[in-house]
């Protein structure tokens, strides 16, 4: 079964403290968003005709860049991650949808396919990938959000027909799910990990 996908790229990126839109931050010679875009495009379980990137007035250069790479783009308000996601799902009339943040450069198509397969095994409308907080801490990434000892990874699957349905938490100890780039310090951690992966 193939599902839809949204790459969320509309945040203000205020923690980056740099004069650049976060998705266009350069990491080892590539833009940050290129890593996750490649991973999503290579997923076996993603319908590439139903792949969109969600931008906002905060990320106009990102929008132009993505259009130049033949990515379907929808501009949301940029007032919040969840608000933009719900807007996109409702506007595009999406059903089962992988929602992934643009700032996760270590994830591969295999990682995302595994998440989708886990989702399809369960009957719940939604899935959230969570990483134990101690693993995030050891990775060198600072996080502001800890829920019952777990950190949201920025990878979710939702059913657009049941946005308020119950959610299954997929716990992973793979630290690459925790490497989301919000600061320059985070980008250095990600850069080192990418170099070691090749």
Protein backbone atom coordinates (compact mmCIF):
# COMPACT_ATOMS: atom_id res chain seq x y z
CA UNK A 1 0.00 0.00 0.00
CA UNK A 2 1.28 3.49 -0.89
CA UNK A 3 0.50 6.55 1.24
CA UNK A 4 0.83 10.32 0.81
CA UNK A 5 3.67 12.43 2.22
CA UNK A 6 4.14 15.94 3.56
CA UNK A 7 7.57 17.46 4.17
CA UNK A 8 7.08 20.29 6.65
CA UNK A 9 9.30 23.24 5.74
CA UNK A 10 7.47 26.35 6.91
CA UNK A 11 8.88 27.11 10.36
CA UNK A 12 10.52 30.40 11.34
CA UNK A 13 13.76 28.65 12.32
CA UNK A 14 14.37 31.19 15.11
CA UNK A 15 16.65 28.85 17.13
CA UNK A 16 19.04 28.69 14.19
CA UNK A 17 20.02 32.33 14.78
CA UNK A 18 21.29 32.62 11.20
CA UNK A 19 20.28 34.82 8.31
CA UNK A 20 19.04 31.90 6.23
CA UNK A 21 15.90 29.82 5.95
CA UNK A 22 16.55 26.61 7.86
CA UNK A 23 15.68 24.19 5.00
CA UNK A 24 18.37 25.94 2.93
CA UNK A 25 21.08 25.60 5.55
CA UNK A 26 24.08 23.97 3.88
CA UNK A 27 25.21 20.69 5.37
CA UNK A 28 28.21 18.91 3.80
CA UNK A 29 27.61 20.58 0.43
CA UNK A 30 23.85 19.99 0.29
CA UNK A 31 20.84 21.86 1.58
CA UNK A 32 19.25 20.44 4.72
CA UNK A 33 15.94 19.79 2.97
CA UNK A 34 17.63 17.80 0.19
CA UNK A 35 18.43 14.95 2.58
CA UNK A 36 14.84 14.28 3.65
CA UNK A 37 13.47 14.99 0.17
CA UNK A 38 15.70 12.28 -1.28
CA UNK A 39 14.73 9.84 1.49
CA UNK A 40 10.99 10.40 1.00
CA UNK A 41 11.20 10.22 -2.80
CA UNK A 42 12.93 6.82 -2.56
CA UNK A 43 10.37 5.29 -0.18
CA UNK A 44 8.67 2.20 -1.58
CA UNK A 45 5.49 3.01 0.34
CA UNK A 46 5.11 6.64 -0.80
CA UNK A 47 2.93 7.68 -3.72
CA UNK A 48 5.28 10.18 -5.39
CA UNK A 49 2.32 11.90 -7.08
CA UNK A 50 0.99 12.63 -3.59
CA UNK A 51 4.20 14.08 -2.16
CA UNK A 52 4.04 17.72 -1.11
CA UNK A 53 6.25 20.15 0.75
CA UNK A 54 4.48 22.59 3.06
CA UNK A 55 6.11 26.03 3.15
CA UNK A 56 5.00 29.39 4.55
CA UNK A 57 5.70 33.12 4.21
CA UNK A 58 8.78 32.43 6.40
CA UNK A 59 10.30 30.13 3.75
CA UNK A 60 9.73 31.78 0.37
CA UNK A 61 13.23 30.97 -0.91
CA UNK A 62 12.72 27.35 0.07
CA UNK A 63 9.47 27.34 -1.89
CA UNK A 64 11.21 28.63 -5.01
CA UNK A 65 14.01 26.12 -4.60
CA UNK A 66 11.58 23.21 -4.29
CA UNK A 67 9.54 24.31 -7.29
CA UNK A 68 12.79 24.30 -9.26
CA UNK A 69 13.22 20.66 -8.23
CA UNK A 70 9.68 19.80 -9.43
CA UNK A 71 8.34 19.35 -5.90
CA UNK A 72 4.66 20.11 -5.34
CA UNK A 73 4.43 22.94 -2.82
CA UNK A 74 1.58 24.20 -0.68
CA UNK A 75 2.01 27.42 1.29
CA UNK A 76 0.48 27.44 4.77
CA UNK A 77 0.36 30.23 7.35
CA UNK A 78 3.55 29.29 9.20
CA UNK A 79 1.80 29.88 12.53
CA UNK A 80 2.63 26.41 13.84
CA UNK A 81 3.69 22.92 12.79
CA UNK A 82 0.42 21.19 13.69
CA UNK A 83 -1.71 24.01 12.31
CA UNK A 84 0.16 23.91 8.99
CA UNK A 85 -0.08 20.11 8.84
CA UNK A 86 -3.84 20.08 9.43
CA UNK A 87 -4.31 22.87 6.88
CA UNK A 88 -2.37 20.90 4.25
CA UNK A 89 -4.14 17.60 4.90
CA UNK A 90 -7.56 19.23 4.72
CA UNK A 91 -6.76 21.43 1.70
CA UNK A 92 -5.24 18.53 -0.27
CA UNK A 93 -7.86 16.02 0.97
CA UNK A 94 -5.15 13.57 1.99
CA UNK A 95 -5.87 10.22 3.63
CA UNK A 96 -3.05 8.18 5.20
CA UNK A 97 -0.05 10.54 5.20
CA UNK A 98 3.58 10.43 6.30
CA UNK A 99 4.40 13.80 7.88
CA UNK A 100 8.08 14.51 8.30
CA UNK A 101 10.04 17.57 9.31
CA UNK A 102 12.52 19.02 6.80
CA UNK A 103 15.31 19.06 9.40
CA UNK A 104 16.04 15.31 9.73
CA UNK A 105 19.09 14.78 7.49
CA UNK A 106 20.16 11.33 8.73
CA UNK A 107 16.97 9.44 7.89
CA UNK A 108 16.92 7.14 4.87
CA UNK A 109 14.13 5.75 2.74
CA UNK A 110 14.60 2.42 4.54
CA UNK A 111 14.03 4.11 7.91
CA UNK A 112 10.84 5.75 6.68
CA UNK A 113 9.56 2.59 4.97
CA UNK A 114 10.05 0.75 8.27
CA UNK A 115 7.94 3.38 10.06
CA UNK A 116 5.20 3.09 7.43
CA UNK A 117 5.21 -0.71 7.70
CA UNK A 118 4.86 -0.44 11.48
CA UNK A 119 1.92 1.92 11.01
CA UNK A 120 0.20 -0.42 8.57
CA UNK A 121 0.49 -3.28 11.09
CA UNK A 122 -1.58 -1.34 13.64
CA UNK A 123 -5.21 -0.35 13.49
CA UNK A 124 -4.76 3.10 15.04
CA UNK A 125 -5.32 6.26 12.95
CA UNK A 126 -2.00 7.86 13.90
CA UNK A 127 1.60 6.98 14.70
CA UNK A 128 4.31 9.12 16.32
CA UNK A 129 7.96 8.10 16.33
CA UNK A 130 9.52 8.82 19.72
CA UNK A 131 13.12 8.59 20.97
CA UNK A 132 14.08 8.08 24.64
CA UNK A 133 15.27 11.40 26.07
CA UNK A 134 18.57 9.94 27.32
CA UNK A 135 19.48 8.81 23.79
CA UNK A 136 18.74 12.30 22.46
CA UNK A 137 20.93 13.76 25.21
CA UNK A 138 23.84 11.45 24.35
CA UNK A 139 23.56 12.38 20.67
CA UNK A 140 24.53 15.98 21.43
CA UNK A 141 21.21 17.43 20.27
CA UNK A 142 19.40 19.80 22.61
CA UNK A 143 15.66 19.35 22.86
CA UNK A 144 12.90 21.51 24.31
CA UNK A 145 10.16 18.87 24.21
CA UNK A 146 10.15 15.79 26.45
CA UNK A 147 6.95 13.81 26.98
CA UNK A 148 7.04 11.07 29.65
CA UNK A 149 10.75 10.53 29.04
CA UNK A 150 10.49 10.53 25.24
CA UNK A 151 11.23 13.11 22.57
CA UNK A 152 9.08 13.42 19.41
CA UNK A 153 11.28 12.74 16.38
CA UNK A 154 9.40 14.82 13.81
CA UNK A 155 8.16 11.70 11.99
CA UNK A 156 4.43 11.00 12.17
CA UNK A 157 1.76 9.24 10.18
CA UNK A 158 -1.81 10.49 10.32
CA UNK A 159 -5.07 9.54 8.67
CA UNK A 160 -6.65 12.63 7.15
CA UNK A 161 -10.07 11.01 7.56
CA UNK A 162 -9.58 10.77 11.34
CA UNK A 163 -7.26 13.55 12.52
CA UNK A 164 -8.44 13.33 16.13
CA UNK A 165 -8.10 9.55 16.38
CA UNK A 166 -5.91 7.65 18.81
CA UNK A 167 -2.15 7.53 18.31
CA UNK A 168 0.33 4.67 18.50
CA UNK A 169 3.80 5.58 19.80
CA UNK A 170 6.63 3.85 17.96
CA UNK A 171 9.68 3.93 20.25
CA UNK A 172 13.08 3.77 18.58
CA UNK A 173 16.53 3.80 20.16
CA UNK A 174 18.12 4.77 16.84
CA UNK A 175 19.68 8.15 17.54
CA UNK A 176 19.46 9.22 13.89
CA UNK A 177 15.74 9.83 14.50
CA UNK A 178 16.79 12.34 17.17
CA UNK A 179 19.16 14.32 14.96
CA UNK A 180 16.91 17.19 13.95
CA UNK A 181 18.70 20.43 13.18
CA UNK A 182 17.42 23.46 15.07
CA UNK A 183 20.68 25.23 15.93
CA UNK A 184 24.14 25.68 14.39
CA UNK A 185 25.43 23.33 17.10
CA UNK A 186 22.90 20.69 15.95
CA UNK A 187 24.07 21.15 12.36
CA UNK A 188 27.65 20.34 13.41
CA UNK A 189 26.49 17.14 15.12
CA UNK A 190 24.52 16.16 12.00
CA UNK A 191 27.43 16.99 9.72
CA UNK A 192 29.78 14.72 11.68
CA UNK A 193 27.26 11.88 11.67
CA UNK A 194 26.71 12.19 7.91
CA UNK A 195 30.46 12.01 7.29
CA UNK A 196 30.76 8.88 9.45
CA UNK A 197 27.83 7.26 7.64
CA UNK A 198 29.66 7.41 4.28
